[in-house]
Amino acid sequence: MNNARRPIGFLIAAFVMLALAGVALQEPNQLTEREQKEGWKLLFNGKDLSGWTIMGDPDSWSVEDGTLYCKGKGGGMIYADGIYKNFELKLDFKLTPKANSGVFFRIWDKNDPVQTGIEVQILDSYGVEKPSRHDCGAIYDIQAPSENAVKPPGEWNSYHIICKDTHITVYLNGKKVNEVDLSKWTEPHRNPDGTPNKFKYPYNQMTRPGYIALQNHGNPLWFRNIKVKPLD
């Protein structure tokens, strides 16, 4: 009886191994067939900076081994082409020790992205027991992540950010770490719980369409698999 079942068991094991191999062999910076059908769009092709505009030191960003590499020189932003209001955004990032950066979106003034856009923080905050509004996974200076889900420097992390009108949801490495309703932010420089923030515009105004950008905060780091799905 056991011998008769072995071929079936081997076939199942072989099928599982082939399926896992297919996932492992999925090339970065490509859309799956399912993503294409769902309307995802690749923002970074892994080959050059087509579709991106650097504001700041033009030598601070380059393509390195299929990644979008920030050299950590100077500061500024790199902007993806296009205007987005409601969307899903996915990307991977890899940090160096103490690296700091951010994913910005709904920026309506490229000359003042910090004040006219929303930032989901990127930071080497691995090991922090109680993350703050400035740690990885935070909506910067607005709301702290519910848990610290960032990986150590040198490992790839993944963000999945969903923007729908006043609602923003952030997943870090598959865990939902943040969710806010911007309609509750009705005053400049003030969060609903009474704590101060740095923003001169109340965050309930941050629902207008704008640009998506990645921050050069002076630290080296890498990005890949940057893709967006418009929801409008």
Protein backbone atom coordinates (compact mmCIF):
# COMPACT_ATOMS: atom_id res chain seq x y z
CA MET A 1 0.00 0.00 0.00
CA ASN A 2 2.74 2.45 0.97
CA ASN A 3 4.79 1.55 -2.12
CA ALA A 4 1.80 2.23 -4.38
CA ARG A 5 1.46 5.72 -2.98
CA ARG A 6 5.10 6.67 -3.46
CA PRO A 7 4.86 7.67 -7.14
CA ILE A 8 1.97 10.02 -6.33
CA GLY A 9 3.93 11.51 -3.44
CA PHE A 10 6.97 12.02 -5.65
CA LEU A 11 4.83 13.72 -8.31
CA ILE A 12 3.30 16.07 -5.77
CA ALA A 13 6.71 16.92 -4.33
CA ALA A 14 8.12 17.53 -7.80
CA PHE A 15 5.20 19.80 -8.70
CA VAL A 16 5.68 21.85 -5.52
CA MET A 17 9.41 22.18 -6.17
CA LEU A 18 8.82 23.33 -9.73
CA ALA A 19 6.26 25.88 -8.56
CA LEU A 20 8.65 27.25 -5.96
CA ALA A 21 11.42 27.36 -8.53
CA GLY A 22 9.16 29.38 -10.81
CA VAL A 23 8.64 31.94 -8.05
CA ALA A 24 12.34 32.05 -7.27
CA LEU A 25 13.19 32.52 -10.95
CA GLN A 26 10.78 35.43 -11.40
CA GLU A 27 13.00 38.20 -12.67
CA PRO A 28 12.85 41.50 -10.78
CA ASN A 29 11.45 44.61 -12.46
CA GLN A 30 8.88 42.66 -14.44
CA LEU A 31 5.12 42.34 -14.22
CA THR A 32 3.52 38.96 -13.85
CA GLU A 33 0.72 37.99 -16.21
CA ARG A 34 -1.76 38.52 -13.39
CA GLU A 35 -0.39 41.99 -12.62
CA GLN A 36 -0.68 42.95 -16.27
CA LYS A 37 -4.33 41.87 -16.32
CA GLU A 38 -5.01 43.80 -13.11
CA GLY A 39 -3.65 47.03 -14.59
CA TRP A 40 -0.28 47.33 -12.86
CA LYS A 41 2.35 49.50 -14.54
CA LEU A 42 6.11 49.13 -14.11
CA LEU A 43 7.74 52.41 -13.08
CA PHE A 44 11.36 51.18 -13.15
CA ASN A 45 12.60 48.93 -15.95
CA GLY A 46 15.83 47.87 -14.24
CA LYS A 47 17.93 49.08 -17.19
CA ASP A 48 17.96 52.87 -17.18
CA LEU A 49 16.28 55.93 -15.69
CA SER A 50 13.59 56.17 -18.35
CA GLY A 51 10.43 57.59 -16.80
CA TRP A 52 12.28 59.29 -13.94
CA THR A 53 13.42 62.87 -13.30
CA ILE A 54 16.13 63.72 -10.76
CA MET A 55 15.77 66.90 -8.70
CA GLY A 56 19.05 67.52 -6.95
CA ASP A 57 22.50 66.18 -7.78
CA PRO A 58 22.17 64.46 -11.19
CA ASP A 59 24.90 61.99 -10.22
CA SER A 60 23.11 60.86 -7.06
CA TRP A 61 20.99 58.21 -8.80
CA SER A 62 22.02 55.44 -11.17
CA VAL A 63 21.13 51.91 -12.25
CA GLU A 64 23.26 49.22 -10.63
CA ASP A 65 22.74 45.50 -11.29
CA GLY A 66 19.06 45.96 -12.06
CA THR A 67 18.40 48.24 -9.09
CA LEU A 68 17.72 51.94 -8.76
CA TYR A 69 20.72 52.97 -6.67
CA CYS A 70 20.88 56.10 -4.55
CA LYS A 71 24.53 56.93 -3.96
CA GLY A 72 23.75 59.01 -0.90
CA LYS A 73 25.37 62.08 -2.40
CA GLY A 74 23.75 65.43 -1.72
CA GLY A 75 19.99 65.30 -1.38
CA GLY A 76 16.78 65.76 -3.30
CA MET A 77 14.26 63.51 -5.00
CA ILE A 78 13.80 61.33 -8.02
CA TYR A 79 10.31 61.63 -9.52
CA ALA A 80 8.37 59.05 -11.48
CA ASP A 81 6.54 60.33 -14.53
CA GLY A 82 2.80 60.76 -14.19
CA ILE A 83 0.25 62.12 -11.74
CA TYR A 84 -1.59 59.80 -9.36
CA LYS A 85 -4.33 60.29 -6.80
CA ASN A 86 -5.81 56.89 -5.94
CA PHE A 87 -3.46 53.97 -6.50
CA GLU A 88 -1.59 50.97 -5.17
CA LEU A 89 2.20 51.22 -5.10
CA LYS A 90 4.64 48.37 -4.57
CA LEU A 91 8.41 48.53 -4.29
CA ASP A 92 11.39 46.80 -2.71
CA PHE A 93 14.19 48.62 -0.89
CA LYS A 94 17.48 47.59 0.67
CA LEU A 95 19.20 49.72 3.30
CA THR A 96 22.74 50.38 4.41
CA PRO A 97 23.32 50.84 8.17
CA LYS A 98 21.59 53.99 9.50
CA ALA A 99 20.15 54.79 6.06
CA ASN A 100 17.24 57.21 5.80
CA SER A 101 14.91 57.80 2.86
CA GLY A 102 11.22 57.97 2.07
CA VAL A 103 8.48 57.14 -0.39
CA PHE A 104 6.63 60.34 -1.29
CA PHE A 105 3.35 60.63 -3.15
CA ARG A 106 0.58 63.11 -4.01
CA ILE A 107 3.25 65.83 -4.29
CA TRP A 108 1.70 68.87 -5.95
CA ASP A 109 4.81 71.12 -5.82
CA LYS A 110 8.14 69.56 -6.81
CA ASN A 111 9.95 72.52 -5.26
CA ASP A 112 8.49 71.73 -1.83
CA PRO A 113 7.83 67.96 -1.67
CA VAL A 114 8.07 67.70 2.12
CA GLN A 115 5.25 70.18 2.69
CA THR A 116 3.10 69.32 -0.34
CA GLY A 117 3.27 65.53 -0.31
CA ILE A 118 2.88 62.52 1.95
CA GLU A 119 5.90 60.50 3.08
CA VAL A 120 6.02 56.88 4.13
CA GLN A 121 9.27 56.64 6.03
CA ILE A 122 12.19 54.44 5.03
CA LEU A 123 14.75 54.08 7.82
CA ASP A 124 17.15 51.58 9.30
CA SER A 125 15.13 51.22 12.50
CA TYR A 126 15.71 47.48 12.79
CA GLY A 127 15.58 46.38 16.43
CA VAL A 128 13.62 49.40 17.70
CA GLU A 129 11.14 48.03 20.23
CA LYS A 130 8.57 50.82 20.08
CA PRO A 131 8.68 52.55 16.69
CA SER A 132 7.85 56.23 16.50
CA ARG A 133 6.36 58.56 13.88
CA HIS A 134 9.86 58.78 12.40
CA ASP A 135 10.68 55.06 12.10
CA CYS A 136 10.28 52.74 9.14
CA GLY A 137 6.63 52.15 8.33
CA ALA A 138 5.53 55.50 9.74
CA ILE A 139 3.54 58.04 7.80
CA TYR A 140 6.19 60.57 8.63
CA ASP A 141 5.40 62.79 11.62
CA ILE A 142 1.74 61.80 11.28
CA GLN A 143 1.37 58.28 12.67
CA ALA A 144 3.78 55.63 13.96
CA PRO A 145 3.67 52.08 12.59
CA SER A 146 1.80 49.54 14.68
CA GLU A 147 4.88 47.31 14.76
CA ASN A 148 8.50 47.26 13.64
CA ALA A 149 8.57 45.05 10.54
CA VAL A 150 11.73 46.31 8.84
CA LYS A 151 14.55 43.85 8.13
CA PRO A 152 18.25 44.35 8.95
CA PRO A 153 20.45 46.39 6.60
CA GLY A 154 21.50 44.38 3.56
CA GLU A 155 18.18 42.51 3.25
CA TRP A 156 15.39 43.38 0.84
CA ASN A 157 12.20 44.89 2.25
CA SER A 158 8.90 45.37 0.44
CA TYR A 159 6.32 48.14 0.68
CA HIS A 160 2.72 47.95 -0.50
CA ILE A 161 1.01 51.32 -0.15
CA ILE A 162 -2.67 51.82 -0.93
CA CYS A 163 -4.12 55.32 -1.39
CA LYS A 164 -7.86 55.71 -1.81
CA ASP A 165 -9.24 59.22 -1.23
CA THR A 166 -8.61 59.99 2.47
CA HIS A 167 -7.51 56.47 3.36
CA ILE A 168 -3.89 55.33 3.30
CA THR A 169 -2.81 51.80 4.19
CA VAL A 170 0.80 50.65 4.46
CA TYR A 171 2.08 47.09 4.38
CA LEU A 172 5.74 46.44 5.19
CA ASN A 173 7.06 42.97 4.40
CA GLY A 174 3.51 41.64 4.21
CA LYS A 175 2.36 43.09 7.54
CA LYS A 176 -0.15 45.91 7.80
CA VAL A 177 1.76 48.47 9.84
CA ASN A 178 -0.19 51.67 9.25
CA GLU A 179 -3.64 52.89 8.33
CA VAL A 180 -4.92 56.46 8.51
CA ASP A 181 -7.97 58.48 7.54
CA LEU A 182 -6.65 61.88 6.47
CA SER A 183 -10.03 63.53 7.08
CA LYS A 184 -9.17 63.51 10.80
CA TRP A 185 -6.19 65.85 10.26
CA THR A 186 -7.98 69.21 10.22
CA GLU A 187 -5.32 71.62 11.57
CA PRO A 188 -1.85 72.61 10.38
CA HIS A 189 1.06 71.49 12.59
CA ARG A 190 -1.24 69.30 14.70
CA ASN A 191 -2.24 65.63 14.79
CA PRO A 192 -5.69 64.49 15.98
CA ASP A 193 -4.20 63.28 19.29
CA GLY A 194 -2.84 66.77 19.98
CA THR A 195 0.80 66.03 19.19
CA PRO A 196 2.58 68.51 16.90
CA ASN A 197 3.75 67.82 13.36
CA LYS A 198 5.94 69.80 10.96
CA PHE A 199 3.37 70.38 8.22
CA LYS A 200 1.93 73.79 7.40
CA TYR A 201 -1.03 72.27 5.57
CA PRO A 202 -3.59 70.11 7.41
CA TYR A 203 -3.36 66.59 6.09
CA ASN A 204 -7.01 66.48 5.08
CA GLN A 205 -5.80 68.56 2.11
CA MET A 206 -3.46 65.78 1.00
CA THR A 207 -6.04 64.09 -1.19
CA ARG A 208 -5.25 65.92 -4.43
CA PRO A 209 -3.40 64.20 -7.30
CA GLY A 210 0.37 64.45 -7.35
CA TYR A 211 3.74 62.93 -8.13
CA ILE A 212 5.38 59.80 -6.74
CA ALA A 213 9.01 60.24 -5.67
CA LEU A 214 11.85 58.56 -3.79
CA GLN A 215 14.06 60.55 -1.45
CA ASN A 216 17.82 60.97 -1.44
CA HIS A 217 18.48 61.74 2.22
CA GLY A 218 22.25 61.43 1.91
CA ASN A 219 22.51 57.67 2.53
CA PRO A 220 23.14 54.85 0.05
CA LEU A 221 20.27 52.44 -0.62
CA TRP A 222 18.70 50.44 -3.44
CA PHE A 223 15.21 50.11 -4.95
CA ARG A 224 13.68 47.62 -7.36
CA ASN A 225 10.29 46.21 -8.47
CA ILE A 226 8.66 49.65 -8.43
CA LYS A 227 5.15 49.33 -9.81
CA VAL A 228 1.84 51.18 -9.58
CA LYS A 229 -1.81 50.34 -10.20
CA PRO A 230 -4.09 53.36 -10.70
CA LEU A 231 -7.42 53.06 -8.88
CA ASP A 232 -9.21 56.01 -10.50
